[in-house]
C-alpha atoms as a PDB file:
ATOM      1  CA  MET A   1      28.720  56.732  21.151  1.00  0.00           C
ATOM      2  CA  ARG A   2      25.626  56.673  18.453  1.00  0.00           C
ATOM      3  CA  LEU A   3      26.935  55.015  15.645  1.00  0.00           C
ATOM      4  CA  LEU A   4      28.897  53.050  18.087  1.00  0.00           C
ATOM      5  CA  ARG A   5      25.323  51.351  19.668  1.00  0.00           C
ATOM      6  CA  ARG A   6      24.069  51.641  16.164  1.00  0.00           C
ATOM      7  CA  ARG A   7      26.651  48.671  15.031  1.00  0.00           C
ATOM      8  CA  LEU A   8      26.100  46.972  18.097  1.00  0.00           C
ATOM      9  CA  VAL A   9      23.120  47.115  17.731  1.00  0.00           C
ATOM     10  CA  ARG A  10      23.574  45.159  14.459  1.00  0.00           C
ATOM     11  CA  ILE A  11      26.101  43.042  15.260  1.00  0.00           C
ATOM     12  CA  ALA A  12      23.675  41.335  17.599  1.00  0.00           C
ATOM     13  CA  MET A  13      21.017  41.700  14.430  1.00  0.00           C
ATOM     14  CA  ILE A  14      23.921  39.326  12.675  1.00  0.00           C
ATOM     15  CA  THR A  15      24.201  36.971  15.056  1.00  0.00           C
ATOM     16  CA  THR A  16      20.498  36.346  16.209  1.00  0.00           C
ATOM     17  CA  LEU A  17      19.974  35.387  12.665  1.00  0.00           C
ATOM     18  CA  LEU A  18      22.791  33.092  13.299  1.00  0.00           C
ATOM     19  CA  ALA A  19      21.284  31.676  15.056  1.00  0.00           C
ATOM     20  CA  GLY A  20      18.083  31.548  13.988  1.00  0.00           C
ATOM     21  CA  ALA A  21      19.208  30.427  10.623  1.00  0.00           C
ATOM     22  CA  ALA A  22      21.419  27.041  13.056  1.00  0.00           C
ATOM     23  CA  ALA A  23      18.649  25.936  14.348  1.00  0.00           C
ATOM     24  CA  VAL A  24      16.487  25.876  12.222  1.00  0.00           C
ATOM     25  CA  VAL A  25      18.420  24.016   9.123  1.00  0.00           C
ATOM     26  CA  ALA A  26      19.908  21.771  12.425  1.00  0.00           C
ATOM     27  CA  ALA A  27      16.338  20.544  13.055  1.00  0.00           C
ATOM     28  CA  THR A  28      15.336  20.316   9.002  1.00  0.00           C
ATOM     29  CA  SER A  29      17.973  18.231   8.827  1.00  0.00           C
ATOM     30  CA  SER A  30      17.648  15.811  11.507  1.00  0.00           C
ATOM     31  CA  ALA A  31      14.198  15.673  10.456  1.00  0.00           C
ATOM     32  CA  ALA A  32      15.048  15.037   6.806  1.00  0.00           C
ATOM     33  CA  SER A  33      17.457  12.080   7.550  1.00  0.00           C
ATOM     34  CA  ALA A  34      14.669  10.900   9.943  1.00  0.00           C
ATOM     35  CA  ALA A  35      12.326  10.463   7.567  1.00  0.00           C
ATOM     36  CA  PRO A  36      13.647   7.154   5.239  1.00  0.00           C
ATOM     37  CA  ALA A  37      13.809   5.380   8.598  1.00  0.00           C
ATOM     38  CA  ALA A  38      10.462   6.466  10.087  1.00  0.00           C
ATOM     39  CA  GLY A  39       7.923   6.348   6.968  1.00  0.00           C
ATOM     40  CA  LYS A  40       8.869   3.275   5.904  1.00  0.00           C
ATOM     41  CA  ASP A  41       5.603   1.965   4.069  1.00  0.00           C
ATOM     42  CA  GLY A  42       3.667  -1.217   4.391  1.00  0.00           C
ATOM     43  CA  TRP A  43       1.230  -2.392   1.237  1.00  0.00           C
ATOM     44  CA  VAL A  44      -2.987  -3.290   1.125  1.00  0.00           C
ATOM     45  CA  ARG A  45      -5.000  -4.430  -1.009  1.00  0.00           C
ATOM     46  CA  ILE A  46      -8.926  -5.156  -1.286  1.00  0.00           C
ATOM     47  CA  ALA A  47     -10.527  -8.776  -3.436  1.00  0.00           C
ATOM     48  CA  HIS A  48     -13.956  -8.532  -3.513  1.00  0.00           C
ATOM     49  CA  LEU A  49     -14.156 -12.499  -3.167  1.00  0.00           C
ATOM     50  CA  SER A  50     -17.954 -13.147  -2.027  1.00  0.00           C
ATOM     51  CA  PRO A  51     -20.062 -14.913  -4.986  1.00  0.00           C
ATOM     52  CA  GLN A  52     -23.413 -14.348  -3.796  1.00  0.00           C
ATOM     53  CA  ALA A  53     -22.997 -10.961  -2.606  1.00  0.00           C
ATOM     54  CA  PRO A  54     -23.894  -7.904  -4.418  1.00  0.00           C
ATOM     55  CA  ALA A  55     -21.002  -5.174  -5.797  1.00  0.00           C
ATOM     56  CA  MET A  56     -20.209  -3.202  -2.908  1.00  0.00           C
ATOM     57  CA  ASP A  57     -17.687   0.237  -1.847  1.00  0.00           C
ATOM     58  CA  MET A  58     -14.982  -0.761   0.062  1.00  0.00           C
ATOM     59  CA  TYR A  59     -13.940   1.740   2.815  1.00  0.00           C
ATOM     60  CA  VAL A  60     -10.457   1.339   4.450  1.00  0.00           C
ATOM     61  CA  TYR A  61      -9.334   4.595   6.892  1.00  0.00           C
ATOM     62  CA  PRO A  62      -6.894   4.669  10.399  1.00  0.00           C
ATOM     63  CA  PHE A  63      -8.749   3.259  12.936  1.00  0.00           C
ATOM     64  CA  GLY A  64     -10.824   4.916  14.680  1.00  0.00           C
ATOM     65  CA  ASN A  65     -10.125   7.422  12.036  1.00  0.00           C
ATOM     66  CA  PRO A  66     -13.242   7.601   9.290  1.00  0.00           C
ATOM     67  CA  GLY A  67     -12.998  10.532   8.766  1.00  0.00           C
ATOM     68  CA  HIS A  68     -11.083  10.661   5.280  1.00  0.00           C
ATOM     69  CA  PRO A  69     -11.150   7.174   3.961  1.00  0.00           C
ATOM     70  CA  VAL A  70      -9.837   5.272  -0.040  1.00  0.00           C
ATOM     71  CA  VAL A  71     -12.972   4.680  -1.132  1.00  0.00           C
ATOM     72  CA  LEU A  72     -13.463   2.007  -3.623  1.00  0.00           C
ATOM     73  CA  LYS A  73     -16.845   1.530  -5.576  1.00  0.00           C
ATOM     74  CA  ASP A  74     -18.603  -0.495  -7.797  1.00  0.00           C
ATOM     75  CA  VAL A  75     -16.326  -3.632  -6.117  1.00  0.00           C
ATOM     76  CA  GLY A  76     -16.977  -6.697  -8.479  1.00  0.00           C
ATOM     77  CA  TYR A  77     -17.174 -10.362  -7.279  1.00  0.00           C
ATOM     78  CA  GLY A  78     -13.198 -11.457  -8.634  1.00  0.00           C
ATOM     79  CA  ALA A  79     -11.802  -8.007  -8.143  1.00  0.00           C
ATOM     80  CA  VAL A  80      -8.693  -8.193  -7.160  1.00  0.00           C
ATOM     81  CA  SER A  81      -7.971  -3.743  -6.569  1.00  0.00           C
ATOM     82  CA  ALA A  82      -4.281  -2.054  -6.740  1.00  0.00           C
ATOM     83  CA  TYR A  83      -1.963  -1.970  -3.923  1.00  0.00           C
ATOM     84  CA  MET A  84      -2.156   1.101  -1.822  1.00  0.00           C
ATOM     85  CA  ALA A  85       0.903   2.369  -0.066  1.00  0.00           C
ATOM     86  CA  VAL A  86      -0.080   2.549   3.868  1.00  0.00           C
ATOM     87  CA  VAL A  87       1.461   4.323   6.968  1.00  0.00           C
ATOM     88  CA  PRO A  88       2.875   1.080   8.860  1.00  0.00           C
ATOM     89  CA  GLY A  89      -0.682   0.883  12.104  1.00  0.00           C
ATOM     90  CA  GLN A  90      -4.461  -0.130  12.884  1.00  0.00           C
ATOM     91  CA  TYR A  91      -6.547   0.244  10.144  1.00  0.00           C
ATOM     92  CA  THR A  92     -10.812  -0.630   8.921  1.00  0.00           C
ATOM     93  CA  VAL A  93     -11.304  -1.992   6.134  1.00  0.00           C
ATOM     94  CA  ALA A  94     -16.003  -0.933   6.070  1.00  0.00           C
ATOM     95  CA  MET A  95     -18.053  -2.876   3.327  1.00  0.00           C
ATOM     96  CA  ARG A  96     -20.992  -0.451   2.090  1.00  0.00           C
ATOM     97  CA  GLY A  97     -23.370  -1.929  -0.287  1.00  0.00           C
ATOM     98  CA  PHE A  98     -23.232  -0.184  -3.883  1.00  0.00           C
ATOM     99  CA  GLY A  99     -24.288   2.888  -3.513  1.00  0.00           C
ATOM    100  CA  ALA A 100     -25.467   3.205  -0.151  1.00  0.00           C
ATOM    101  CA  ALA A 101     -24.279   5.916   2.007  1.00  0.00           C
ATOM    102  CA  ALA A 102     -21.211   6.213   3.250  1.00  0.00           C
ATOM    103  CA  THR A 103     -22.868   7.232   7.580  1.00  0.00           C
ATOM    104  CA  SER A 104     -24.875   4.492   6.182  1.00  0.00           C
ATOM    105  CA  LYS A 105     -24.317   1.077   8.568  1.00  0.00           C
ATOM    106  CA  PRO A 106     -21.871  -1.656   7.178  1.00  0.00           C
ATOM    107  CA  ALA A 107     -22.857  -5.444   5.934  1.00  0.00           C
ATOM    108  CA  LEU A 108     -18.545  -6.306   7.160  1.00  0.00           C
ATOM    109  CA  THR A 109     -16.294  -3.892   9.124  1.00  0.00           C
ATOM    110  CA  SER A 110     -12.881  -5.168  10.640  1.00  0.00           C
ATOM    111  CA  SER A 111      -9.548  -4.115  11.869  1.00  0.00           C
ATOM    112  CA  PHE A 112      -5.762  -5.094  10.556  1.00  0.00           C
ATOM    113  CA  MET A 113      -2.673  -4.428  11.513  1.00  0.00           C
ATOM    114  CA  VAL A 114      -0.022  -3.783   8.423  1.00  0.00           C
ATOM    115  CA  THR A 115       3.606  -3.541   8.989  1.00  0.00           C
ATOM    116  CA  ALA A 116       6.265  -1.162   8.024  1.00  0.00           C
ATOM    117  CA  GLY A 117       7.816  -3.127   4.308  1.00  0.00           C
ATOM    118  CA  ALA A 118       4.546  -6.296   4.147  1.00  0.00           C
ATOM    119  CA  ALA A 119       1.893  -6.556   1.580  1.00  0.00           C
ATOM    120  CA  TYR A 120      -1.473  -7.933   2.955  1.00  0.00           C
ATOM    121  CA  THR A 121      -4.471  -9.250   0.624  1.00  0.00           C
ATOM    122  CA  LEU A 122      -7.991  -8.102   2.359  1.00  0.00           C
ATOM    123  CA  ALA A 123     -10.677 -10.567   0.574  1.00  0.00           C
ATOM    124  CA  ALA A 124     -14.013 -10.217   1.419  1.00  0.00           C
ATOM    125  CA  LEU A 125     -15.049 -14.261   1.360  1.00  0.00           C
ATOM    126  CA  GLY A 126     -18.192 -15.945   2.148  1.00  0.00           C
ATOM    127  CA  PRO A 127     -21.472 -15.923   1.707  1.00  0.00           C
ATOM    128  CA  ASP A 128     -24.384 -13.500   1.500  1.00  0.00           C
ATOM    129  CA  PRO A 129     -25.241 -13.101   4.377  1.00  0.00           C
ATOM    130  CA  GLY A 130     -21.938 -14.248   6.054  1.00  0.00           C
ATOM    131  CA  LEU A 131     -19.670 -12.148   4.952  1.00  0.00           C
ATOM    132  CA  ARG A 132     -16.542 -12.212   6.743  1.00  0.00           C
ATOM    133  CA  THR A 133     -12.603 -10.217   5.844  1.00  0.00           C
ATOM    134  CA  GLU A 134      -9.251 -12.733   5.342  1.00  0.00           C
ATOM    135  CA  VAL A 135      -6.391 -11.056   5.608  1.00  0.00           C
ATOM    136  CA  LEU A 136      -3.876 -12.538   3.650  1.00  0.00           C
ATOM    137  CA  LYS A 137       0.413 -11.145   4.615  1.00  0.00           C
ATOM    138  CA  ASP A 138       1.338 -11.947   0.514  1.00  0.00           C
ATOM    139  CA  GLN A 139       5.179 -12.490  -0.842  1.00  0.00           C
ATOM    140  CA  MET A 140       7.057  -9.775  -2.240  1.00  0.00           C
ATOM    141  CA  ASN A 141      10.041 -11.857  -3.532  1.00  0.00           C
ATOM    142  CA  ALA A 142      10.601 -14.882  -5.158  1.00  0.00           C
ATOM    143  CA  PRO A 143      14.436 -17.098  -5.256  1.00  0.00           C
ATOM    144  CA  ALA A 144      16.724 -16.941  -7.840  1.00  0.00           C
ATOM    145  CA  GLY A 145      15.041 -17.700 -11.517  1.00  0.00           C
ATOM    146  CA  LYS A 146      12.658 -19.080  -9.610  1.00  0.00           C
ATOM    147  CA  ALA A 147       8.954 -17.924  -9.729  1.00  0.00           C
ATOM    148  CA  VAL A 148       7.128 -18.585  -6.839  1.00  0.00           C
ATOM    149  CA  VAL A 149       2.889 -18.903  -6.552  1.00  0.00           C
ATOM    150  CA  ARG A 150      -0.012 -19.671  -4.537  1.00  0.00           C
ATOM    151  CA  VAL A 151      -3.649 -20.691  -4.377  1.00  0.00           C
ATOM    152  CA  LEU A 152      -7.250 -18.625  -3.006  1.00  0.00           C
ATOM    153  CA  GLN A 153     -10.127 -20.776  -3.371  1.00  0.00           C
ATOM    154  CA  ALA A 154     -12.831 -18.730  -3.791  1.00  0.00           C
ATOM    155  CA  SER A 155     -15.577 -20.686  -5.721  1.00  0.00           C
ATOM    156  CA  LEU A 156     -18.880 -21.960  -3.405  1.00  0.00           C
ATOM    157  CA  LYS A 157     -20.567 -24.112  -6.670  1.00  0.00           C
ATOM    158  CA  GLN A 158     -17.172 -25.884  -6.050  1.00  0.00           C
ATOM    159  CA  HIS A 159     -16.899 -26.032  -2.197  1.00  0.00           C
ATOM    160  CA  ARG A 160     -12.845 -28.677  -2.907  1.00  0.00           C
ATOM    161  CA  VAL A 161     -10.836 -27.822  -5.496  1.00  0.00           C
ATOM    162  CA  THR A 162      -7.620 -29.639  -6.833  1.00  0.00           C
ATOM    163  CA  VAL A 163      -4.555 -27.131  -9.070  1.00  0.00           C
ATOM    164  CA  SER A 164      -1.817 -27.785 -10.827  1.00  0.00           C
ATOM    165  CA  TYR A 165       1.051 -25.247 -12.515  1.00  0.00           C
ATOM    166  CA  GLY A 166       2.370 -27.537 -14.972  1.00  0.00           C
ATOM    167  CA  PRO A 167       3.849 -31.111 -13.227  1.00  0.00           C
ATOM    168  CA  ASP A 168       3.241 -29.630  -9.239  1.00  0.00           C
ATOM    169  CA  VAL A 169       0.180 -29.834  -7.448  1.00  0.00           C
ATOM    170  CA  LEU A 170      -0.414 -26.820  -5.502  1.00  0.00           C
ATOM    171  CA  ALA A 171      -3.140 -27.405  -4.182  1.00  0.00           C
ATOM    172  CA  ARG A 172      -5.160 -30.939  -3.339  1.00  0.00           C
ATOM    173  CA  GLU A 173      -9.398 -30.421  -2.353  1.00  0.00           C
ATOM    174  CA  LEU A 174      -8.665 -27.154  -1.188  1.00  0.00           C
ATOM    175  CA  SER A 175     -11.648 -25.471   0.924  1.00  0.00           C
ATOM    176  CA  PHE A 176     -13.796 -22.369   0.221  1.00  0.00           C
ATOM    177  CA  GLY A 177     -11.436 -18.843   1.365  1.00  0.00           C
ATOM    178  CA  ALA A 178      -8.771 -21.243   2.701  1.00  0.00           C
ATOM    179  CA  ALA A 179      -5.316 -19.844   0.833  1.00  0.00           C
ATOM    180  CA  THR A 180      -2.626 -22.402   0.161  1.00  0.00           C
ATOM    181  CA  SER A 181       1.228 -21.393   0.782  1.00  0.00           C
ATOM    182  CA  TYR A 182       3.175 -20.272  -1.964  1.00  0.00           C
ATOM    183  CA  LYS A 183       5.436 -22.862  -3.363  1.00  0.00           C
ATOM    184  CA  ALA A 184       8.542 -22.361  -5.341  1.00  0.00           C
ATOM    185  CA  VAL A 185       8.078 -23.091  -9.206  1.00  0.00           C
ATOM    186  CA  ALA A 186       9.760 -23.414 -12.956  1.00  0.00           C
ATOM    187  CA  PRO A 187       9.101 -19.474 -14.979  1.00  0.00           C
ATOM    188  CA  GLY A 188       7.715 -19.889 -18.384  1.00  0.00           C
ATOM    189  CA  VAL A 189       3.903 -20.990 -19.381  1.00  0.00           C
ATOM    190  CA  GLN A 190       2.852 -23.984 -18.134  1.00  0.00           C
ATOM    191  CA  THR A 191      -1.164 -25.035 -18.284  1.00  0.00           C
ATOM    192  CA  VAL A 192      -2.587 -24.717 -14.793  1.00  0.00           C
ATOM    193  CA  ARG A 193      -5.503 -27.435 -14.398  1.00  0.00           C
ATOM    194  CA  PHE A 194      -8.355 -27.282 -11.720  1.00  0.00           C
ATOM    195  CA  ALA A 195     -10.359 -30.289 -11.454  1.00  0.00           C
ATOM    196  CA  ALA A 196     -13.533 -30.654  -8.804  1.00  0.00           C
ATOM    197  CA  PRO A 197     -16.504 -33.341  -8.835  1.00  0.00           C
ATOM    198  CA  GLY A 198     -17.759 -33.566 -12.410  1.00  0.00           C
ATOM    199  CA  GLU A 199     -15.991 -29.753 -13.804  1.00  0.00           C
ATOM    200  CA  HIS A 200     -12.464 -30.159 -15.193  1.00  0.00           C
ATOM    201  CA  ALA A 201     -11.036 -26.570 -17.122  1.00  0.00           C
ATOM    202  CA  THR A 202      -7.409 -25.440 -17.889  1.00  0.00           C
ATOM    203  CA  MET A 203      -5.900 -22.492 -18.082  1.00  0.00           C
ATOM    204  CA  PRO A 204      -2.306 -21.083 -19.730  1.00  0.00           C
ATOM    205  CA  VAL A 205      -0.454 -18.802 -17.457  1.00  0.00           C
ATOM    206  CA  THR A 206       3.105 -17.181 -18.864  1.00  0.00           C
ATOM    207  CA  MET A 207       5.441 -16.445 -14.768  1.00  0.00           C
ATOM    208  CA  ALA A 208       8.151 -15.056 -15.260  1.00  0.00           C
ATOM    209  CA  ALA A 209      11.546 -15.658 -13.835  1.00  0.00           C
ATOM    210  CA  ASP A 210      11.911 -12.989  -9.978  1.00  0.00           C
ATOM    211  CA  SER A 211       7.562 -13.071 -10.037  1.00  0.00           C
ATOM    212  CA  VAL A 212       5.494 -13.779  -7.678  1.00  0.00           C
ATOM    213  CA  HIS A 213       1.866 -14.775  -8.269  1.00  0.00           C
ATOM    214  CA  THR A 214      -1.521 -15.541  -6.368  1.00  0.00           C
ATOM    215  CA  ILE A 215      -3.981 -17.492  -8.784  1.00  0.00           C
ATOM    216  CA  VAL A 216      -7.573 -17.443  -7.793  1.00  0.00           C
ATOM    217  CA  VAL A 217     -10.279 -19.382  -8.157  1.00  0.00           C
ATOM    218  CA  LEU A 218     -13.673 -18.349  -9.381  1.00  0.00           C
ATOM    219  CA  ASP A 219     -17.548 -19.496  -9.896  1.00  0.00           C
ATOM    220  CA  ASP A 220     -18.074 -18.683 -13.340  1.00  0.00           C
ATOM    221  CA  SER A 221     -21.859 -18.497 -14.802  1.00  0.00           C
ATOM    222  CA  SER A 222     -20.511 -21.301 -16.740  1.00  0.00           C
ATOM    223  CA  GLY A 223     -18.842 -23.166 -14.206  1.00  0.00           C
ATOM    224  CA  LEU A 224     -15.219 -22.094 -12.799  1.00  0.00           C
ATOM    225  CA  LYS A 225     -12.145 -20.114 -14.092  1.00  0.00           C
ATOM    226  CA  VAL A 226      -9.020 -19.697 -12.555  1.00  0.00           C
ATOM    227  CA  ASP A 227      -7.892 -15.461 -12.494  1.00  0.00           C
ATOM    228  CA  ALA A 228      -3.909 -15.524 -12.380  1.00  0.00           C
ATOM    229  CA  VAL A 229      -2.684 -12.038 -10.026  1.00  0.00           C
ATOM    230  CA  THR A 230       0.368 -10.682 -10.170  1.00  0.00           C
ATOM    231  CA  ASP A 231       1.448  -9.778  -6.703  1.00  0.00           C
ATOM    232  CA  ALA A 232       5.478  -9.173  -6.962  1.00  0.00           C
ATOM    233  CA  VAL A 233       7.903  -8.918  -9.782  1.00  0.00           C
ATOM    234  CA  GLY A 234      11.452  -9.063  -8.338  1.00  0.00           C
ATOM    235  CA  SER A 235      10.880  -7.442  -4.894  1.00  0.00           C
ATOM    236  CA  ARG A 236       8.507  -4.659  -6.698  1.00  0.00           C
ATOM    237  CA  ILE A 237       5.291  -5.153  -5.793  1.00  0.00           C
ATOM    238  CA  MET A 238       3.304  -5.539  -8.666  1.00  0.00           C
ATOM    239  CA  PRO A 239       0.547  -3.427 -10.498  1.00  0.00           C
ATOM    240  CA  ALA A 240       3.610  -0.287 -10.618  1.00  0.00           C
ATOM    241  CA  GLY A 241       1.630   3.244 -10.449  1.00  0.00           C
ATOM    242  CA  ALA A 242      -0.021   1.803  -7.366  1.00  0.00           C
ATOM    243  CA  ILE A 243      -2.028   4.269  -5.057  1.00  0.00           C
ATOM    244  CA  SER A 244       0.832   5.537  -3.038  1.00  0.00           C
ATOM    245  CA  ALA A 245      -0.795   8.142  -0.992  1.00  0.00           C
ATOM    246  CA  GLY A 246      -4.402   7.535  -0.416  1.00  0.00           C
ATOM    247  CA  PHE A 247      -5.867   6.638   3.391  1.00  0.00           C
ATOM    248  CA  GLY A 248      -6.905   9.620   4.935  1.00  0.00           C
ATOM    249  CA  GLY A 249      -5.136  10.090   8.501  1.00  0.00           C
ATOM    250  CA  THR A 250      -1.885   8.645   7.032  1.00  0.00           C
ATOM    251  CA  ALA A 251       1.412  10.910   6.889  1.00  0.00           C
ATOM    252  CA  PRO A 252       2.647  12.944   3.758  1.00  0.00           C
ATOM    253  CA  ARG A 253       4.948  11.665   2.068  1.00  0.00           C
ATOM    254  CA  PRO A 254       8.478  13.667   2.643  1.00  0.00           C
ATOM    255  CA  SER A 255       9.132  16.886  -0.458  1.00  0.00           C
ATOM    256  CA  ALA A 256      12.320  17.080  -1.590  1.00  0.00           C
ATOM    257  CA  ASN A 257      15.167  17.810   1.798  1.00  0.00           C
ATOM    258  CA  PRO A 258      15.180  21.900   2.304  1.00  0.00           C
ATOM    259  CA  VAL A 259      17.890  22.473   3.857  1.00  0.00           C
ATOM    260  CA  PRO A 260      19.553  24.213   1.402  1.00  0.00           C
ATOM    261  CA  TRP A 261      17.186  26.465   0.820  1.00  0.00           C
ATOM    262  CA  LEU A 262      17.163  27.041   3.642  1.00  0.00           C
ATOM    263  CA  VAL A 263      20.891  28.313   3.347  1.00  0.00           C
ATOM    264  CA  MET A 264      20.405  29.461   1.023  1.00  0.00           C
ATOM    265  CA  ILE A 265      17.642  32.416   2.517  1.00  0.00           C
ATOM    266  CA  ALA A 266      19.676  32.506   5.616  1.00  0.00           C
ATOM    267  CA  ALA A 267      22.903  33.306   3.566  1.00  0.00           C
ATOM    268  CA  GLY A 268      20.808  36.353   1.626  1.00  0.00           C
ATOM    269  CA  ALA A 269      19.521  37.995   5.007  1.00  0.00           C
ATOM    270  CA  LEU A 270      22.892  37.850   6.094  1.00  0.00           C
ATOM    271  CA  LEU A 271      24.372  39.736   3.844  1.00  0.00           C
ATOM    272  CA  ALA A 272      21.308  42.138   3.777  1.00  0.00           C
ATOM    273  CA  VAL A 273      22.258  43.214   7.238  1.00  0.00           C
ATOM    274  CA  ALA A 274      26.109  42.761   6.781  1.00  0.00           C
ATOM    275  CA  GLY A 275      25.135  45.403   3.888  1.00  0.00           C
ATOM    276  CA  LEU A 276      23.042  47.916   5.588  1.00  0.00           C
ATOM    277  CA  ALA A 277      25.511  47.739   8.664  1.00  0.00           C
ATOM    278  CA  ARG A 278      28.747  49.403   6.318  1.00  0.00           C
ATOM    279  CA  ILE A 279      25.689  52.376   5.716  1.00  0.00           C
ATOM    280  CA  ARG A 280      27.031  55.516   7.712  1.00  0.00           C
ATOM    281  CA  ARG A 281      24.068  57.537   8.677  1.00  0.00           C
ATOM    282  CA  PRO A 282      25.534  61.135  10.110  1.00  0.00           C
ATOM    283  CA  ALA A 283      25.335  61.107  13.440  1.00  0.00           C
END
């Protein structure tokens, strides 16, 4: 009777382990299969385009959760950050003077929404004081064999600027803080011309096929200059290697599927119990 009782207890243990392992594997498998669909990223980058504002420290964090922000230090006029991958949702950007305490009052705060699969440029614009944030939705792909380009006007020296790319006029008398829509152009090396009252300048720019660009008009010590920023190449957001984890409070990247390891652990446990069941002890 004792031996029978022991065997029944061991059978019950094996059954419990099997049920527990099955539940864990099923739950993990379900979560792993759901993770890619639920965790599709949005993309955000920050541009300091206020010529009168000093270098800034820029904080970005999920709305209402400023405890663990991403901080971009000493961002000067004309700088455009790499894209950063974020979980879709509402975020806040806060801008402080370079080196200011994280607890100090920001010079500017603004909230914005991030949608899965979409890319955005947060541009700090305006005179100082009078800063504002413009949220621009960025294009991620171009028609086959074409390049796509837009113009963002960030010059306060010239309030109306005309910009052309080769034979294509991209912007006519574009005002400060305004951005054009994207336009498809022929790829290759072309001359970008920008003109304003009393000022003309040119600059060679290369745009590859299937790429997306933003031409930024900036103030310079000698007048105006332009910067051609690559937004995407072949539907891949640029630049490669953009910060992909940073926003505090966002979900971490899903790890590799742990189901095979759980199956192996469960199988090992079952074999161990089954082996114990075969050991006969004296009654």
